[in-house]
Structure formats: structure tokens, C-alpha cells
Amino acid sequence: MTDIKPTQKRKLGSVTIVTGSILGLLVIAAMFPSVTAGLGLLAFCGLLTGLYVLITGRRSWARLPAGRRGGAIAVAASVVTLIVASALAPASELDAPSLASDPAPTSSPSASTSPTAAPSSEPEPTPVNASEPELQPEADAPAPEPEPTPVTASEPEPQPEAAAPAPAAVGTALAQLDTIPIKGRAPKTGYDRDQFGPAWKDVDRNGCDQRNDLLLRDLESISFKPGTNNCVVTSGTLLDPFTGSVINFVRGEGTSNAVQIDHVVALSDAWQKGAQQMGQDQREAFANDPLNLLAVDGSSNGAKGDGDAATWLPPNKGFRCEYVALQTAVKAKYGLWMTQAESDAIRNILTSTCPDQPVPTDGGVMVAPEPAPAAEPLTVEAPAPAPAPLVDVYYPNCDAVKAAGAAPIRAGDPGWQSKFDRDGDGVGCEN
């Protein structure tokens, strides 16, 4: 086997360098597409130069020292540079996978150089397309949007509620309730039962006190004490409105309290809600007004005390509409106010149970049919023909009425004038 001559050795080294350079550039171009390409090419050139010096023993174009030592140093430095470039490539070139898939469009138009530059920039949107799957959740974001849709769908629900508060019908307790002022409860200072006059006064001058008048109105199957002009009730039957039970009333020391006369609007409650500003006569009229009085079960009356509708209601739910309508009518008649809680309690009963509950008459709601025998003495008054000759009688004041012996004077009597009736009970010049 013949030795290779120095000239042939140089040619062989040159061919090796050129071939290796071309292959190396292709490999580096594939590995390091953009940022690290310069560093890789520099390292590759250094590697080729070092190999050249190492193989030929000559100086290279880079003026490296001739001999194997200089070539070995250049090769080692180039290898280190290549390692550094390869380590930096994944961190700096995140688009390398997408660009690596683009050689097909860049290699096909190889005949032109400048057009390839434009397509080479087009692959940059490719990562955007590749990242579009990451935006898929955002594309799915409209999916939660149906959640507000039920909210908007439920918004029409308040519409019926807005239409519900229709004006209360005229003549109903609910309409009358709207006229009652709302205020806080005043102090109870100064309250005494005597502020409302004597108990069970004979306000209508019929010879019977107000308690017996109410028993006569509310009881059935009544018996009277002999010699009292059918005035003192000794027994009867009560259909108690508070409990719905039947009570057999018998007058006596241990039995009379079974049936008591209740002030629908308690006197103490009235005192704290406007009655302090009333005159004495108006308070007495309030305490004896049949509109504000009911014959009821004694124990239930004791349980009620001076409570209003916010603190006490009859156990008999079937009577609650009439009961709160009575309280409303009494307070409207005498200009008393309600607390907010009381008004709300009454409104709740009326609107939920009986919105058309009528305003009670002045005689009260629970008016039982009066027995025939009792009606006769009540209707028998002074002889009707007597006032005929006195048609032209005129009394300038109550003193004149009393002086003429016509006191107390009643509506319809000769000389009657409304100014004589200060408490509105149809009887004037009583005192």
C-alpha cells in the first residue's frame, strides 16, 4: 500500500473540509433556524478550521498556530460553542416546531429568493393557529352566557306583583285603612279609666245602662229581671265571636263575668294613639259607642288586655276580618292613629282573606236580632202628639231647654237643635 503524498493529503483535506462544510451548514440550518443560527455557524466554522489545522498541520485563514495543538484547541472550543447553542435553542426558539414543518412551502419556490422571504414570515401566524386550541375555552365562554338568561327570564315574575296592588274598593275596610295615619305609640302617662267617664253610662237615656243595652243586642233567648222595664238582662245565650263557642249567660256574682263587654279598641290603646287630645265628652262617647263594644267570652277579653291587632287577634279566625274592620272603623271615626306594625297586621288579614270586607255600620258588626218583647219598650217614647202644639218652640241654649223642663232634649223633639248634642249621640243638654 503506497503512502499518500503531501499534495494528495492536502487535496483530500480540502475535499473533506468542503464536503463537511456543506453538510454541517445544512444540519445547523435545520437545528438552529433563526436566533442561534449565527452562534451555530460560528462554532461550525471554528470546528472545520480546527479540523483543517489538525489534519494538514498548516495555518488556517484564522491564523491558528500550525500543528495539532492549535487544531485541537479550535475543535474543542467549537464543540463547546455548539453545545451552548444547542442548549439555548429550545428556550429562545419556541417556534422551531412550527417552522420545522414549514420547509415544504419554502423549498418548493426555490427558484425565487425574495418571494421566499414573504412566505417565511407567514408561518409566524401558524403558532397562533396552533395556539387557537388554547383559546377554545374562551370560544366556549359563551356557554355560561345562558346563566344570565334565566335571570332575565325570571324578571317578568315581579310584573304580576306590580299589578297586584290595585286600589282598594270604595266602601271597604281596606280602603278605610288607607286613611288611618301611621305614627308611633305615645307614652301612657296620665292614663286612667276615669278619663273616659263612668263605666256603663246610660248614654241614650232609655233607662238601661250601656252594658245591658249591649247584652240585649248581642245575646239571644234573653230573660229580664222583673220590674226593670225589660232592662236588666238576667240570662241569655251568646255565640262568642272571639272563640266561636256558645256561652250560657246567667247574671250573678260568680257568673256575670263569663260574658264581658269588650272595647274593640282598648281604652288604653286609644289613649296612646290620640285620645289624650280628645275632650272629655268625646272620650266618653268613644267608651260607650256601640261600634266599639262587643259582648264576648270573659277569659278571651282578659287575654286581649289593651293589645292591638299587632299583638292580639281572636282565636276564632273566622271572625278576624270583622274584628280588624271594626278596629279600623273606630279609629277612623275618632281620628286615632295606628302604629306601623298594627296597620301591617290589619292589612295582611284584609288583603289575604277578605279584601272586600265592608266598613261596619255604627251599630257594630255583631248585631243579633232583638227579641220582639224587648223591641217594644225601646220604641215606646214620649207620646207623639204632645210636641204638636210646640212646633214653634225655640230654645236659644241648653239653659233655656232646662228651664222649660225639656231637658234632656232628643233629635226630633220641638225646639231641637244640633248644637245641643255635643257628643253626637242624638241627645242634647244632658248635663
Protein backbone atom coordinates (compact mmCIF):
# COMPACT_ATOMS: atom_id res chain seq x y z
CA MET A 1 0.00 0.00 0.00
CA THR A 2 1.54 3.29 -1.11
CA ASP A 3 1.88 6.30 1.14
CA ILE A 4 -0.27 9.33 0.46
CA LYS A 5 1.76 12.22 -0.78
CA PRO A 6 1.54 15.59 0.90
CA THR A 7 -0.14 17.07 -2.16
CA GLN A 8 -2.76 14.38 -2.17
CA LYS A 9 -3.18 14.77 1.55
CA ARG A 10 -3.91 18.47 1.11
CA LYS A 11 -6.43 17.77 -1.66
CA LEU A 12 -8.07 15.13 0.48
CA GLY A 13 -8.26 17.58 3.38
CA SER A 14 -9.72 20.28 1.17
CA VAL A 15 -12.40 17.94 -0.22
CA THR A 16 -13.21 16.76 3.29
CA ILE A 17 -13.49 20.32 4.58
CA VAL A 18 -15.72 21.48 1.72
CA THR A 19 -17.98 18.44 1.95
CA GLY A 20 -18.19 18.65 5.71
CA SER A 21 -18.89 22.38 5.49
CA ILE A 22 -21.86 21.86 3.20
CA LEU A 23 -23.31 19.04 5.29
CA GLY A 24 -22.69 20.90 8.51
CA LEU A 25 -24.39 24.05 7.27
CA LEU A 26 -27.46 22.02 6.29
CA VAL A 27 -27.55 20.32 9.68
CA ILE A 28 -27.10 23.62 11.57
CA ALA A 29 -29.76 25.33 9.46
CA ALA A 30 -32.20 22.57 10.44
CA MET A 31 -31.25 22.66 14.12
CA PHE A 32 -30.95 26.40 14.63
CA PRO A 33 -33.43 28.19 12.38
CA SER A 34 -33.08 31.77 13.47
CA VAL A 35 -31.64 33.23 16.70
CA THR A 36 -28.99 30.63 17.46
CA ALA A 37 -28.07 30.05 13.79
CA GLY A 38 -25.24 32.60 13.90
CA LEU A 39 -23.76 31.06 17.02
CA GLY A 40 -24.04 27.59 15.49
CA LEU A 41 -22.45 28.63 12.21
CA LEU A 42 -19.62 30.34 14.04
CA ALA A 43 -18.98 27.21 16.08
CA PHE A 44 -19.17 25.03 12.95
CA CYS A 45 -16.71 27.22 11.06
CA GLY A 46 -14.38 27.07 14.02
CA LEU A 47 -14.75 23.30 14.08
CA LEU A 48 -13.90 22.98 10.37
CA THR A 49 -10.97 25.30 10.73
CA GLY A 50 -9.67 23.36 13.71
CA LEU A 51 -10.03 20.06 11.83
CA TYR A 52 -8.21 21.55 8.86
CA VAL A 53 -5.29 22.59 11.04
CA LEU A 54 -5.41 19.28 12.90
CA ILE A 55 -5.32 17.21 9.67
CA THR A 56 -2.94 19.29 7.50
CA GLY A 57 -0.74 20.77 10.21
CA ARG A 58 -0.88 24.13 8.41
CA ARG A 59 -2.08 27.51 9.47
CA SER A 60 -5.61 28.31 8.53
CA TRP A 61 -7.26 31.51 7.33
CA ALA A 62 -7.96 32.28 11.00
CA ARG A 63 -4.22 32.36 11.69
CA LEU A 64 -4.37 29.46 14.09
CA PRO A 65 -0.98 28.07 15.17
CA ALA A 66 0.11 25.25 12.91
CA GLY A 67 0.16 21.77 14.37
CA ARG A 68 -2.21 19.50 16.16
CA ARG A 69 -2.30 21.52 19.35
CA GLY A 70 -3.81 24.59 17.68
CA GLY A 71 -6.30 22.47 15.77
CA ALA A 72 -7.31 20.54 18.91
CA ILE A 73 -7.93 23.80 20.79
CA ALA A 74 -10.07 25.15 17.93
CA VAL A 75 -12.03 21.89 17.71
CA ALA A 76 -12.66 21.80 21.47
CA ALA A 77 -13.80 25.45 21.54
CA SER A 78 -16.10 24.85 18.59
CA VAL A 79 -17.63 21.76 20.21
CA VAL A 80 -18.30 23.74 23.42
CA THR A 81 -19.89 26.55 21.38
CA LEU A 82 -22.11 24.03 19.57
CA ILE A 83 -23.23 22.54 22.90
CA VAL A 84 -24.10 26.01 24.22
CA ALA A 85 -26.03 26.81 21.02
CA SER A 86 -27.99 23.58 21.21
CA ALA A 87 -28.82 24.26 24.88
CA LEU A 88 -30.08 27.75 24.11
CA ALA A 89 -32.10 26.74 21.07
CA PRO A 90 -35.24 25.29 22.88
CA ALA A 91 -35.53 28.30 25.20
CA SER A 92 -35.18 31.04 22.58
CA GLU A 93 -36.80 29.38 19.60
CA LEU A 94 -40.22 28.18 20.78
CA ASP A 95 -41.48 28.39 17.24
CA ALA A 96 -38.98 25.86 15.95
CA PRO A 97 -41.56 23.00 15.77
CA SER A 98 -43.88 25.10 13.66
CA LEU A 99 -41.04 26.36 11.48
CA ALA A 100 -39.70 22.89 11.12
CA SER A 101 -42.94 21.91 9.45
CA ASP A 102 -42.66 24.77 7.00
CA PRO A 103 -39.71 23.71 4.85
CA ALA A 104 -42.16 22.31 2.33
CA PRO A 105 -43.57 25.69 1.31
CA THR A 106 -40.12 27.34 1.48
CA SER A 107 -38.35 24.64 -0.55
CA SER A 108 -40.95 24.48 -3.32
CA PRO A 109 -40.44 28.04 -4.56
CA SER A 110 -36.65 27.60 -4.51
CA ALA A 111 -36.28 29.45 -7.82
CA SER A 112 -37.02 32.80 -6.25
CA THR A 113 -35.26 34.29 -3.26
CA SER A 114 -37.25 37.41 -2.37
CA PRO A 115 -40.67 35.75 -2.58
CA THR A 116 -39.45 33.10 -0.13
CA ALA A 117 -38.86 35.83 2.43
CA ALA A 118 -42.55 36.76 2.44
CA PRO A 119 -43.80 33.21 2.91
CA SER A 120 -41.16 32.74 5.58
CA SER A 121 -42.92 35.44 7.63
CA GLU A 122 -46.32 33.86 7.04
CA PRO A 123 -45.58 30.79 9.14
CA GLU A 124 -45.46 33.11 12.21
CA PRO A 125 -49.28 33.19 12.32
CA THR A 126 -49.06 29.39 12.33
CA PRO A 127 -48.28 29.36 16.08
CA VAL A 128 -51.37 31.48 16.54
CA ASN A 129 -53.34 28.77 14.76
CA ALA A 130 -51.54 26.21 16.85
CA SER A 131 -52.47 28.14 19.99
CA GLU A 132 -56.07 28.53 18.91
CA PRO A 133 -56.97 25.30 20.69
CA GLU A 134 -55.83 27.09 23.87
CA LEU A 135 -58.39 29.76 23.08
CA GLN A 136 -61.06 27.10 22.73
CA PRO A 137 -62.15 27.62 26.35
CA GLU A 138 -62.63 31.30 25.51
CA ALA A 139 -64.64 30.27 22.49
CA ASP A 140 -66.69 28.16 24.87
CA ALA A 141 -67.12 31.17 27.16
CA PRO A 142 -70.50 31.97 25.58
CA ALA A 143 -71.68 28.66 27.09
CA PRO A 144 -72.01 30.27 30.58
CA GLU A 145 -73.95 33.14 28.99
CA PRO A 146 -77.21 31.15 29.21
CA GLU A 147 -76.87 31.52 33.02
CA PRO A 148 -77.94 35.19 32.93
CA THR A 149 -80.71 34.16 30.53
CA PRO A 150 -82.79 32.56 33.33
CA VAL A 151 -82.30 35.78 35.31
CA THR A 152 -83.83 37.80 32.52
CA ALA A 153 -86.49 35.15 32.13
CA SER A 154 -87.38 35.46 35.81
CA GLU A 155 -87.61 39.26 35.62
CA PRO A 156 -91.20 39.15 34.33
CA GLU A 157 -92.21 37.45 37.61
CA PRO A 158 -92.34 40.77 39.53
CA GLN A 159 -94.78 42.10 36.92
CA PRO A 160 -97.78 40.33 38.46
CA GLU A 161 -96.68 41.66 41.85
CA ALA A 162 -96.57 45.18 40.44
CA ALA A 163 -100.10 44.70 39.12
CA ALA A 164 -101.33 43.18 42.43
CA PRO A 165 -101.53 46.39 44.49
CA ALA A 166 -104.78 47.60 42.91
CA PRO A 167 -106.68 50.40 44.63
CA ALA A 168 -108.98 49.15 47.36
CA ALA A 169 -112.67 49.27 46.52
CA VAL A 170 -114.60 52.22 47.89
CA GLY A 171 -116.59 51.34 50.99
CA THR A 172 -114.27 48.54 52.08
CA ALA A 173 -112.33 48.32 55.31
CA LEU A 174 -109.14 48.11 53.24
CA ALA A 175 -109.87 51.50 51.64
CA GLN A 176 -110.67 52.95 55.06
CA LEU A 177 -107.40 51.60 56.41
CA ASP A 178 -105.53 53.78 53.90
CA THR A 179 -106.96 56.86 55.62
CA ILE A 180 -105.60 55.99 59.08
CA PRO A 181 -102.41 57.94 59.99
CA ILE A 182 -99.28 55.95 60.91
CA LYS A 183 -97.44 57.17 64.00
CA GLY A 184 -95.54 55.83 66.97
CA ARG A 185 -97.22 54.93 70.25
CA ALA A 186 -97.36 57.87 72.67
CA PRO A 187 -96.49 57.42 76.38
CA LYS A 188 -99.21 56.03 78.64
CA THR A 189 -98.57 58.83 81.10
CA GLY A 190 -101.76 60.18 82.68
CA TYR A 191 -104.00 57.29 81.62
CA ASP A 192 -106.86 56.36 83.93
CA ARG A 193 -110.18 54.65 83.28
CA ASP A 194 -111.92 57.72 84.67
CA GLN A 195 -110.54 59.74 81.74
CA PHE A 196 -113.29 58.03 79.68
CA GLY A 197 -116.16 58.74 82.10
CA PRO A 198 -118.10 56.38 84.37
CA ALA A 199 -118.42 52.78 83.29
CA TRP A 200 -121.66 51.81 81.56
CA LYS A 201 -123.35 55.16 81.45
CA ASP A 202 -126.91 55.37 80.14
CA VAL A 203 -125.88 57.40 77.13
CA ASP A 204 -129.16 57.07 75.22
CA ARG A 205 -131.36 57.90 78.20
CA ASN A 206 -133.50 54.80 77.75
CA GLY A 207 -133.29 53.80 81.40
CA CYS A 208 -130.78 50.99 80.72
CA ASP A 209 -127.03 51.24 81.16
CA GLN A 210 -124.77 50.52 78.21
CA ARG A 211 -123.78 47.05 79.42
CA ASN A 212 -127.37 45.85 79.45
CA ASP A 213 -128.01 47.51 76.09
CA LEU A 214 -125.11 45.50 74.62
CA LEU A 215 -126.26 42.25 76.23
CA LEU A 216 -129.67 42.91 74.73
CA ARG A 217 -128.09 43.47 71.33
CA ASP A 218 -125.69 40.50 71.24
CA LEU A 219 -127.42 37.74 73.23
CA GLU A 220 -130.32 35.53 72.24
CA SER A 221 -133.08 33.88 74.31
CA ILE A 222 -132.90 36.74 76.80
CA SER A 223 -134.66 36.93 80.18
CA PHE A 224 -135.08 40.17 82.16
CA LYS A 225 -135.24 40.99 85.82
CA PRO A 226 -138.83 41.65 86.78
CA GLY A 227 -139.69 45.26 87.45
CA THR A 228 -136.80 46.69 85.41
CA ASN A 229 -138.85 47.58 82.33
CA ASN A 230 -137.11 44.80 80.39
CA CYS A 231 -133.77 46.47 81.02
CA VAL A 232 -131.66 44.26 83.30
CA VAL A 233 -130.67 41.05 81.46
CA THR A 234 -130.59 38.06 83.78
CA SER A 235 -129.85 35.26 81.28
CA GLY A 236 -129.27 34.55 77.60
CA THR A 237 -127.17 32.71 75.07
CA LEU A 238 -124.08 34.19 73.44
CA LEU A 239 -122.41 32.91 70.29
CA ASP A 240 -118.99 34.22 71.28
CA PRO A 241 -117.28 35.92 68.31
CA PHE A 242 -113.77 35.58 69.83
CA THR A 243 -113.84 31.78 70.26
CA GLY A 244 -116.86 30.64 68.23
CA SER A 245 -118.21 28.82 71.28
CA VAL A 246 -121.69 29.08 72.80
CA ILE A 247 -121.88 30.61 76.32
CA ASN A 248 -124.96 30.39 78.51
CA PHE A 249 -125.03 33.66 80.40
CA VAL A 250 -126.56 33.84 83.88
CA ARG A 251 -126.48 37.10 85.84
CA GLY A 252 -124.95 36.68 89.26
CA GLU A 253 -121.97 37.38 91.47
CA GLY A 254 -119.93 34.40 90.27
CA THR A 255 -121.34 34.05 86.75
CA SER A 256 -121.71 37.50 85.22
CA ASN A 257 -118.01 37.69 84.26
CA ALA A 258 -118.45 34.75 81.88
CA VAL A 259 -119.71 37.34 79.38
CA GLN A 260 -117.93 40.71 79.35
CA ILE A 261 -118.30 43.82 77.20
CA ASP A 262 -115.07 44.35 75.27
CA HIS A 263 -113.82 47.66 73.92
CA VAL A 264 -112.73 46.62 70.41
CA VAL A 265 -110.19 49.45 70.51
CA ALA A 266 -108.98 49.27 74.10
CA LEU A 267 -109.19 52.49 76.12
CA SER A 268 -105.50 52.36 76.99
CA ASP A 269 -104.55 51.78 73.35
CA ALA A 270 -106.72 54.73 72.31
CA TRP A 271 -105.09 56.92 74.99
CA GLN A 272 -101.66 56.25 73.48
CA LYS A 273 -102.85 56.87 69.92
CA GLY A 274 -104.66 60.18 70.02
CA ALA A 275 -107.32 60.07 72.77
CA GLN A 276 -105.16 62.27 75.03
CA GLN A 277 -106.00 65.17 72.73
CA MET A 278 -109.78 64.48 72.86
CA GLY A 279 -112.22 66.41 75.03
CA GLN A 280 -113.83 64.64 77.95
CA ASP A 281 -117.20 64.36 76.21
CA GLN A 282 -115.61 62.82 73.12
CA ARG A 283 -113.73 60.26 75.22
CA GLU A 284 -116.99 59.29 76.99
CA ALA A 285 -118.71 58.91 73.62
CA PHE A 286 -115.82 56.72 72.46
CA ALA A 287 -116.01 54.49 75.56
CA ASN A 288 -119.78 53.94 75.16
CA ASP A 289 -120.06 53.81 71.35
CA PRO A 290 -121.83 50.57 70.27
CA LEU A 291 -119.45 50.46 67.28
CA ASN A 292 -116.60 49.91 69.76
CA LEU A 293 -118.37 47.42 72.05
CA LEU A 294 -118.87 43.65 71.83
CA ALA A 295 -120.24 41.04 74.22
CA VAL A 296 -117.53 38.36 74.35
CA ASP A 297 -116.06 35.49 76.34
CA GLY A 298 -114.64 36.87 79.59
CA SER A 299 -111.40 34.89 79.57
CA SER A 300 -110.61 35.90 75.99
CA ASN A 301 -111.26 39.54 76.87
CA GLY A 302 -108.80 39.22 79.73
CA ALA A 303 -106.19 37.68 77.43
CA LYS A 304 -106.55 40.56 74.97
CA GLY A 305 -105.96 43.25 77.61
CA ASP A 306 -105.11 46.53 75.87
CA GLY A 307 -103.45 44.86 72.88
CA ASP A 308 -103.92 45.99 69.28
CA ALA A 309 -104.06 43.87 66.12
CA ALA A 310 -100.27 43.55 66.07
CA THR A 311 -100.21 41.84 69.49
CA TRP A 312 -103.55 40.03 69.76
CA LEU A 313 -106.18 38.59 67.42
CA PRO A 314 -109.27 36.49 68.21
CA PRO A 315 -108.59 32.73 68.28
CA ASN A 316 -111.64 32.35 66.01
CA LYS A 317 -110.04 33.02 62.60
CA GLY A 318 -113.47 33.27 61.02
CA PHE A 319 -114.08 36.49 62.96
CA ARG A 320 -110.77 38.22 62.31
CA CYS A 321 -111.95 40.07 59.20
CA GLU A 322 -114.89 41.61 61.11
CA TYR A 323 -112.68 42.30 64.11
CA VAL A 324 -109.97 44.27 62.27
CA ALA A 325 -112.66 46.04 60.21
CA LEU A 326 -114.25 47.17 63.48
CA GLN A 327 -110.93 48.44 64.84
CA THR A 328 -110.29 50.35 61.61
CA ALA A 329 -113.78 51.90 61.63
CA VAL A 330 -113.50 53.00 65.27
CA LYS A 331 -110.10 54.63 64.76
CA ALA A 332 -111.27 56.34 61.59
CA LYS A 333 -114.40 57.68 63.35
CA TYR A 334 -112.48 59.16 66.28
CA GLY A 335 -109.34 60.30 64.46
CA LEU A 336 -106.99 57.87 66.18
CA TRP A 337 -103.81 56.61 64.57
CA MET A 338 -102.12 53.22 64.24
CA THR A 339 -98.56 52.03 64.60
CA GLN A 340 -96.88 50.61 61.51
CA ALA A 341 -96.96 47.09 62.93
CA GLU A 342 -100.68 47.37 63.72
CA SER A 343 -101.53 48.70 60.26
CA ASP A 344 -99.45 45.97 58.59
CA ALA A 345 -101.19 43.24 60.63
CA ILE A 346 -104.65 44.53 59.67
CA ARG A 347 -103.69 44.97 56.02
CA ASN A 348 -102.30 41.44 55.86
CA ILE A 349 -105.58 39.97 57.14
CA LEU A 350 -107.76 42.04 54.82
CA THR A 351 -105.70 41.56 51.64
CA SER A 352 -105.08 37.85 52.12
CA THR A 353 -108.52 36.83 53.37
CA CYS A 354 -111.21 39.43 52.75
CA PRO A 355 -110.22 42.37 50.53
CA ASP A 356 -113.89 43.25 50.02
CA GLN A 357 -114.75 43.33 53.74
CA PRO A 358 -117.23 46.22 54.08
CA VAL A 359 -116.92 49.07 56.55
CA PRO A 360 -119.13 48.18 59.56
CA THR A 361 -122.08 50.35 60.43
CA ASP A 362 -122.23 52.46 63.57
CA GLY A 363 -124.25 49.74 65.27
CA GLY A 364 -121.30 47.34 65.07
CA VAL A 365 -120.81 44.11 63.15
CA MET A 366 -122.19 41.59 65.61
CA VAL A 367 -125.79 42.78 65.85
CA ALA A 368 -128.07 39.92 66.90
CA PRO A 369 -131.80 40.09 66.13
CA GLU A 370 -133.52 41.72 69.07
CA PRO A 371 -136.29 39.72 70.76
CA ALA A 372 -139.78 41.03 70.00
CA PRO A 373 -140.70 41.81 73.64
CA ALA A 374 -137.56 43.90 74.08
CA ALA A 375 -138.17 45.99 70.99
CA GLU A 376 -141.47 47.40 72.32
CA PRO A 377 -140.16 49.24 75.37
CA LEU A 378 -137.28 50.60 73.34
CA THR A 379 -139.62 52.08 70.76
CA VAL A 380 -142.07 53.50 73.29
CA GLU A 381 -141.07 57.10 73.84
CA ALA A 382 -142.96 60.22 74.86
CA PRO A 383 -146.41 60.46 73.26
CA ALA A 384 -146.02 61.60 69.69
CA PRO A 385 -148.98 64.03 69.66
CA ALA A 386 -147.59 66.07 72.55
CA PRO A 387 -144.98 68.03 70.57
CA ALA A 388 -147.61 69.20 68.02
CA PRO A 389 -148.65 72.37 69.84
CA LEU A 390 -144.99 73.24 70.46
CA VAL A 391 -143.81 73.29 66.85
CA ASP A 392 -142.70 76.90 67.08
CA VAL A 393 -140.73 76.41 70.31
CA TYR A 394 -137.25 77.93 70.19
CA TYR A 395 -134.54 77.46 72.78
CA PRO A 396 -131.50 79.71 72.38
CA ASN A 397 -129.36 77.44 74.58
CA CYS A 398 -129.41 74.50 76.96
CA ASP A 399 -130.20 76.72 79.91
CA ALA A 400 -133.47 77.63 78.21
CA VAL A 401 -134.17 73.97 77.50
CA LYS A 402 -133.63 73.07 81.13
CA ALA A 403 -135.67 76.00 82.32
CA ALA A 404 -138.55 74.79 80.17
CA GLY A 405 -138.26 71.29 81.62
CA ALA A 406 -137.48 69.81 78.20
CA ALA A 407 -134.03 68.50 79.09
CA PRO A 408 -132.67 66.16 78.01
CA ILE A 409 -133.85 67.06 74.52
CA ARG A 410 -133.69 64.48 71.70
CA ALA A 411 -133.47 64.72 67.95
CA GLY A 412 -136.99 65.33 66.63
CA ASP A 413 -138.27 67.00 69.80
CA PRO A 414 -139.73 70.51 69.45
CA GLY A 415 -137.03 73.12 69.68
CA TRP A 416 -134.27 70.57 68.91
CA GLN A 417 -131.05 71.99 67.51
CA SER A 418 -127.94 70.03 66.63
CA LYS A 419 -125.77 72.38 68.67
CA PHE A 420 -127.33 70.89 71.83
CA ASP A 421 -125.80 67.46 71.02
CA ARG A 422 -122.12 67.83 71.82
CA ASP A 423 -121.25 64.13 71.87
CA GLY A 424 -123.22 63.13 68.75
CA ASP A 425 -125.45 60.55 70.44
CA GLY A 426 -128.77 62.14 69.45
CA VAL A 427 -129.45 63.53 72.95
CA GLY A 428 -128.76 67.11 73.92
CA CYS A 429 -128.50 69.17 77.06
CA GLU A 430 -127.81 66.05 79.11
CA ASN A 431 -125.87 67.69 81.93
